[in-house]
N, C-alpha and C. Protein backbone atom coordinates (compact mmCIF):
# COMPACT_ATOMS: atom_id res chain seq x y z
N UNK A 1 24.88 1.94 -5.47
CA UNK A 1 25.54 2.91 -6.30
C UNK A 1 26.94 3.13 -5.74
N UNK A 2 27.91 3.14 -6.62
CA UNK A 2 29.31 3.31 -6.23
C UNK A 2 29.81 4.64 -6.77
N UNK A 3 30.77 5.24 -6.04
CA UNK A 3 31.36 6.51 -6.44
C UNK A 3 32.87 6.34 -6.59
N UNK A 4 33.45 7.06 -7.54
CA UNK A 4 34.87 6.99 -7.84
C UNK A 4 35.69 7.58 -6.70
N UNK A 5 36.80 6.90 -6.35
CA UNK A 5 37.67 7.39 -5.27
C UNK A 5 38.51 8.58 -5.73
N UNK A 6 38.75 8.70 -7.04
CA UNK A 6 39.58 9.78 -7.56
C UNK A 6 38.79 11.07 -7.76
N UNK A 7 37.70 10.99 -8.53
CA UNK A 7 36.98 12.22 -8.89
C UNK A 7 35.61 12.34 -8.25
N UNK A 8 35.17 11.36 -7.49
CA UNK A 8 33.90 11.36 -6.75
C UNK A 8 32.65 11.35 -7.64
N UNK A 9 32.79 10.93 -8.90
CA UNK A 9 31.64 10.80 -9.79
C UNK A 9 31.07 9.39 -9.70
N UNK A 10 29.92 9.19 -10.33
CA UNK A 10 29.25 7.90 -10.30
C UNK A 10 30.01 6.89 -11.15
N UNK A 11 30.08 5.66 -10.64
CA UNK A 11 30.70 4.56 -11.38
C UNK A 11 29.59 3.64 -11.88
N UNK A 12 29.74 3.14 -13.12
CA UNK A 12 28.74 2.24 -13.69
C UNK A 12 29.30 0.83 -13.74
N UNK A 13 28.45 -0.19 -13.58
CA UNK A 13 28.93 -1.58 -13.63
C UNK A 13 29.29 -1.98 -15.06
N UNK A 14 30.36 -2.75 -15.19
CA UNK A 14 30.77 -3.29 -16.49
C UNK A 14 31.08 -4.77 -16.33
N UNK A 15 30.82 -5.52 -17.37
CA UNK A 15 31.18 -6.94 -17.36
C UNK A 15 30.31 -7.78 -16.45
N UNK A 16 30.95 -8.44 -15.48
CA UNK A 16 30.28 -9.42 -14.62
C UNK A 16 29.45 -8.82 -13.49
N UNK A 17 29.48 -7.52 -13.31
CA UNK A 17 28.71 -6.87 -12.25
C UNK A 17 29.52 -6.60 -11.00
N UNK A 18 30.72 -7.16 -10.89
CA UNK A 18 31.60 -6.89 -9.75
C UNK A 18 32.63 -5.82 -10.09
N UNK A 19 32.71 -5.41 -11.34
CA UNK A 19 33.67 -4.41 -11.78
C UNK A 19 32.91 -3.13 -12.12
N UNK A 20 33.41 -1.99 -11.63
CA UNK A 20 32.78 -0.71 -11.89
C UNK A 20 33.78 0.22 -12.55
N UNK A 21 33.27 1.06 -13.49
CA UNK A 21 34.11 2.01 -14.20
C UNK A 21 33.53 3.41 -14.01
N UNK A 22 34.40 4.38 -13.73
CA UNK A 22 33.98 5.77 -13.56
C UNK A 22 33.55 6.33 -14.91
N UNK A 23 32.46 7.09 -14.94
CA UNK A 23 31.95 7.63 -16.19
C UNK A 23 32.78 8.80 -16.71
N UNK A 24 33.54 9.46 -15.85
CA UNK A 24 34.31 10.62 -16.31
C UNK A 24 35.81 10.35 -16.44
N UNK A 25 36.45 9.74 -15.44
CA UNK A 25 37.91 9.54 -15.49
C UNK A 25 38.32 8.13 -15.88
N UNK A 26 37.35 7.22 -16.10
CA UNK A 26 37.57 5.84 -16.54
C UNK A 26 38.36 4.99 -15.54
N UNK A 27 38.35 5.38 -14.26
CA UNK A 27 38.99 4.59 -13.20
C UNK A 27 38.18 3.30 -13.01
N UNK A 28 38.86 2.16 -12.90
CA UNK A 28 38.19 0.86 -12.75
C UNK A 28 38.50 0.29 -11.37
N UNK A 29 37.45 -0.20 -10.71
CA UNK A 29 37.61 -0.79 -9.38
C UNK A 29 36.78 -2.06 -9.32
N UNK A 30 37.32 -3.10 -8.66
CA UNK A 30 36.61 -4.36 -8.49
C UNK A 30 36.06 -4.46 -7.08
N UNK A 31 34.84 -4.97 -6.98
CA UNK A 31 34.18 -5.21 -5.70
C UNK A 31 33.76 -6.68 -5.68
N UNK A 32 34.62 -7.58 -5.21
CA UNK A 32 34.32 -9.02 -5.30
C UNK A 32 33.19 -9.49 -4.40
N UNK A 33 32.83 -8.74 -3.39
CA UNK A 33 31.82 -9.21 -2.43
C UNK A 33 30.40 -8.72 -2.75
N UNK A 34 30.16 -8.17 -3.94
CA UNK A 34 28.83 -7.66 -4.26
C UNK A 34 27.83 -8.76 -4.57
N UNK A 35 28.27 -9.80 -5.26
CA UNK A 35 27.36 -10.89 -5.62
C UNK A 35 27.58 -12.05 -4.67
N UNK A 36 26.50 -12.53 -4.09
CA UNK A 36 26.58 -13.61 -3.11
C UNK A 36 25.83 -14.84 -3.62
N UNK A 37 26.34 -16.02 -3.31
CA UNK A 37 25.69 -17.27 -3.68
C UNK A 37 24.80 -17.80 -2.56
N UNK A 38 24.69 -17.07 -1.47
CA UNK A 38 23.91 -17.51 -0.32
C UNK A 38 22.42 -17.49 -0.65
N UNK A 39 21.74 -18.56 -0.30
CA UNK A 39 20.30 -18.67 -0.56
C UNK A 39 19.53 -17.95 0.54
N UNK A 40 18.51 -17.21 0.12
CA UNK A 40 17.66 -16.52 1.07
C UNK A 40 16.53 -17.46 1.50
N UNK A 41 16.22 -17.51 2.80
CA UNK A 41 15.13 -18.38 3.24
C UNK A 41 13.78 -17.83 2.76
N UNK A 42 12.86 -18.76 2.45
CA UNK A 42 11.53 -18.34 2.01
C UNK A 42 10.73 -17.86 3.21
N UNK A 43 9.96 -16.81 2.98
CA UNK A 43 9.11 -16.28 4.04
C UNK A 43 7.84 -17.12 4.13
N UNK A 44 7.36 -17.27 5.35
CA UNK A 44 6.11 -17.98 5.58
C UNK A 44 4.97 -17.06 5.18
N UNK A 45 4.13 -17.50 4.27
CA UNK A 45 3.03 -16.69 3.79
C UNK A 45 1.79 -16.98 4.63
N UNK A 46 1.24 -15.93 5.20
CA UNK A 46 0.01 -16.05 5.99
C UNK A 46 -1.15 -15.78 5.05
N UNK A 47 -1.99 -16.79 4.84
CA UNK A 47 -3.08 -16.65 3.89
C UNK A 47 -4.31 -16.01 4.51
N UNK A 48 -4.44 -16.06 5.81
CA UNK A 48 -5.58 -15.47 6.48
C UNK A 48 -5.26 -14.02 6.79
N UNK A 49 -6.25 -13.16 6.74
CA UNK A 49 -6.03 -11.75 7.01
C UNK A 49 -5.65 -11.49 8.45
N UNK A 50 -5.20 -10.28 8.70
CA UNK A 50 -4.79 -9.88 10.05
C UNK A 50 -5.99 -9.89 10.99
N UNK A 51 -7.09 -9.36 10.51
CA UNK A 51 -8.30 -9.29 11.32
C UNK A 51 -9.32 -10.26 10.74
N UNK A 52 -9.96 -11.03 11.57
CA UNK A 52 -10.93 -12.01 11.09
C UNK A 52 -12.31 -11.41 10.86
N UNK A 53 -12.53 -10.17 11.28
CA UNK A 53 -13.82 -9.52 11.06
C UNK A 53 -14.03 -9.34 9.56
N UNK A 54 -15.29 -9.37 9.14
CA UNK A 54 -15.58 -9.16 7.73
C UNK A 54 -15.28 -7.73 7.31
N UNK A 55 -15.58 -6.78 8.15
CA UNK A 55 -15.42 -5.38 7.77
C UNK A 55 -14.71 -4.65 8.91
N UNK A 56 -13.43 -4.36 8.75
CA UNK A 56 -12.67 -3.68 9.80
C UNK A 56 -12.98 -2.19 9.86
N UNK A 57 -13.65 -1.66 8.82
CA UNK A 57 -14.00 -0.24 8.80
C UNK A 57 -15.33 0.04 9.51
N UNK A 58 -15.99 -0.98 10.00
CA UNK A 58 -17.27 -0.81 10.68
C UNK A 58 -17.02 -0.30 12.10
N UNK A 59 -16.98 1.02 12.25
CA UNK A 59 -16.69 1.64 13.55
C UNK A 59 -17.84 2.50 14.06
N UNK A 60 -18.84 2.76 13.23
CA UNK A 60 -19.95 3.62 13.61
C UNK A 60 -21.01 2.79 14.32
N UNK A 61 -21.48 3.28 15.47
CA UNK A 61 -22.52 2.57 16.22
C UNK A 61 -23.87 2.72 15.51
N UNK A 62 -24.35 1.62 14.96
CA UNK A 62 -25.62 1.62 14.23
C UNK A 62 -26.16 0.20 14.23
N UNK A 63 -27.41 0.03 14.61
CA UNK A 63 -28.04 -1.29 14.66
C UNK A 63 -28.58 -1.63 13.27
N UNK A 64 -28.11 -2.75 12.72
CA UNK A 64 -28.54 -3.19 11.39
C UNK A 64 -30.00 -3.64 11.42
N UNK A 65 -30.77 -3.21 10.43
CA UNK A 65 -32.19 -3.57 10.34
C UNK A 65 -32.37 -5.03 9.94
N UNK A 66 -31.39 -5.59 9.25
CA UNK A 66 -31.52 -6.94 8.73
C UNK A 66 -31.03 -8.01 9.71
N UNK A 67 -29.80 -7.82 10.28
CA UNK A 67 -29.24 -8.87 11.14
C UNK A 67 -29.08 -8.45 12.60
N UNK A 68 -29.21 -7.15 12.90
CA UNK A 68 -29.11 -6.67 14.28
C UNK A 68 -27.70 -6.39 14.76
N UNK A 69 -26.71 -6.47 13.88
CA UNK A 69 -25.32 -6.19 14.26
C UNK A 69 -25.19 -4.72 14.64
N UNK A 70 -24.33 -4.40 15.59
CA UNK A 70 -24.27 -3.06 16.15
C UNK A 70 -23.25 -2.10 15.57
N UNK A 71 -22.51 -2.49 14.54
CA UNK A 71 -21.49 -1.60 13.96
C UNK A 71 -21.71 -1.50 12.45
N UNK A 72 -21.41 -0.31 11.91
CA UNK A 72 -21.56 -0.08 10.48
C UNK A 72 -20.41 0.77 9.97
N UNK A 73 -20.16 0.66 8.68
CA UNK A 73 -19.15 1.47 8.00
C UNK A 73 -19.85 2.67 7.37
N UNK A 74 -19.28 3.86 7.52
CA UNK A 74 -19.84 5.06 6.93
C UNK A 74 -19.18 5.27 5.57
N UNK A 75 -20.00 5.37 4.52
CA UNK A 75 -19.51 5.60 3.17
C UNK A 75 -20.12 6.89 2.67
N UNK A 76 -19.28 7.81 2.20
CA UNK A 76 -19.78 9.07 1.68
C UNK A 76 -19.40 9.19 0.22
N UNK A 77 -20.38 9.43 -0.63
CA UNK A 77 -20.16 9.59 -2.07
C UNK A 77 -20.33 11.07 -2.42
N UNK A 78 -19.35 11.61 -3.09
CA UNK A 78 -19.40 13.01 -3.48
C UNK A 78 -20.26 13.15 -4.74
N UNK A 79 -20.93 14.28 -4.89
CA UNK A 79 -21.80 14.48 -6.05
C UNK A 79 -20.98 14.76 -7.32
N UNK A 80 -21.62 14.51 -8.46
CA UNK A 80 -20.99 14.82 -9.74
C UNK A 80 -21.16 16.29 -10.08
N UNK A 81 -22.23 16.89 -9.58
CA UNK A 81 -22.50 18.30 -9.83
C UNK A 81 -22.36 19.03 -8.51
N UNK A 82 -21.75 20.20 -8.54
CA UNK A 82 -21.40 20.90 -7.29
C UNK A 82 -22.60 21.39 -6.49
N UNK A 83 -23.77 21.55 -7.10
CA UNK A 83 -24.91 22.06 -6.33
C UNK A 83 -25.70 20.94 -5.65
N UNK A 84 -25.29 19.68 -5.79
CA UNK A 84 -25.96 18.57 -5.12
C UNK A 84 -25.27 18.28 -3.79
N UNK A 85 -26.03 17.69 -2.87
CA UNK A 85 -25.47 17.25 -1.59
C UNK A 85 -24.76 15.91 -1.78
N UNK A 86 -23.84 15.62 -0.87
CA UNK A 86 -23.17 14.32 -0.92
C UNK A 86 -24.11 13.25 -0.37
N UNK A 87 -23.91 12.02 -0.80
CA UNK A 87 -24.73 10.89 -0.34
C UNK A 87 -23.97 10.16 0.76
N UNK A 88 -24.67 9.82 1.84
CA UNK A 88 -24.06 9.09 2.95
C UNK A 88 -24.77 7.76 3.12
N UNK A 89 -23.98 6.68 3.15
CA UNK A 89 -24.51 5.33 3.31
C UNK A 89 -23.92 4.71 4.56
N UNK A 90 -24.67 3.78 5.16
CA UNK A 90 -24.18 2.97 6.27
C UNK A 90 -24.22 1.52 5.81
N UNK A 91 -23.06 0.83 5.86
CA UNK A 91 -22.98 -0.58 5.48
C UNK A 91 -22.70 -1.41 6.72
N UNK A 92 -23.54 -2.41 6.95
CA UNK A 92 -23.41 -3.29 8.11
C UNK A 92 -22.07 -4.02 8.06
N UNK A 93 -21.41 -4.10 9.22
CA UNK A 93 -20.12 -4.77 9.30
C UNK A 93 -20.20 -6.27 9.27
N UNK A 94 -21.39 -6.83 9.40
CA UNK A 94 -21.54 -8.29 9.42
C UNK A 94 -22.15 -8.81 8.12
N UNK A 95 -23.32 -8.32 7.75
CA UNK A 95 -24.01 -8.88 6.58
C UNK A 95 -23.85 -8.04 5.31
N UNK A 96 -23.37 -6.80 5.43
CA UNK A 96 -23.15 -5.95 4.26
C UNK A 96 -24.38 -5.18 3.81
N UNK A 97 -25.49 -5.26 4.56
CA UNK A 97 -26.69 -4.51 4.21
C UNK A 97 -26.37 -3.02 4.21
N UNK A 98 -26.78 -2.32 3.15
CA UNK A 98 -26.47 -0.90 3.00
C UNK A 98 -27.74 -0.08 3.06
N UNK A 99 -27.67 1.02 3.81
CA UNK A 99 -28.82 1.91 3.97
C UNK A 99 -28.36 3.33 3.72
N UNK A 100 -29.12 4.09 2.94
CA UNK A 100 -28.79 5.48 2.67
C UNK A 100 -29.38 6.35 3.76
N UNK A 101 -28.58 7.28 4.28
CA UNK A 101 -29.08 8.22 5.26
C UNK A 101 -29.81 9.34 4.55
N UNK A 102 -30.71 10.01 5.27
CA UNK A 102 -31.48 11.11 4.69
C UNK A 102 -30.56 12.27 4.35
N UNK A 103 -30.89 12.95 3.26
CA UNK A 103 -30.11 14.12 2.85
C UNK A 103 -30.48 15.31 3.72
N UNK A 104 -29.51 16.19 3.88
CA UNK A 104 -29.76 17.41 4.65
C UNK A 104 -30.50 18.42 3.78
N UNK A 105 -31.44 19.12 4.38
CA UNK A 105 -32.18 20.15 3.65
C UNK A 105 -31.59 21.50 4.04
N UNK A 106 -31.24 22.27 3.04
CA UNK A 106 -30.61 23.58 3.30
C UNK A 106 -31.62 24.67 3.36
């Protein structure tokens, strides 16, 4: 965004994109170095994720009943009706086996 040197208002681009005109006082200024022909190098795309673990959210210590893995992800689902308790699940960080924890009795 460019500002006018005379009245300090915003200048809008006109024509080729290197010329700007003030919206209020019609002052015109050229900025020849705005458009560059220099090619930008392509970034190297990493296709593999940052972490090779299947589930990076598996931080809770819990032994899986199916595969014996020692970490699980805690998932909490809120109820649709306010008088119900929330549901808590544990998902294994290795095989994805999901187990619901017992509800609390009030």
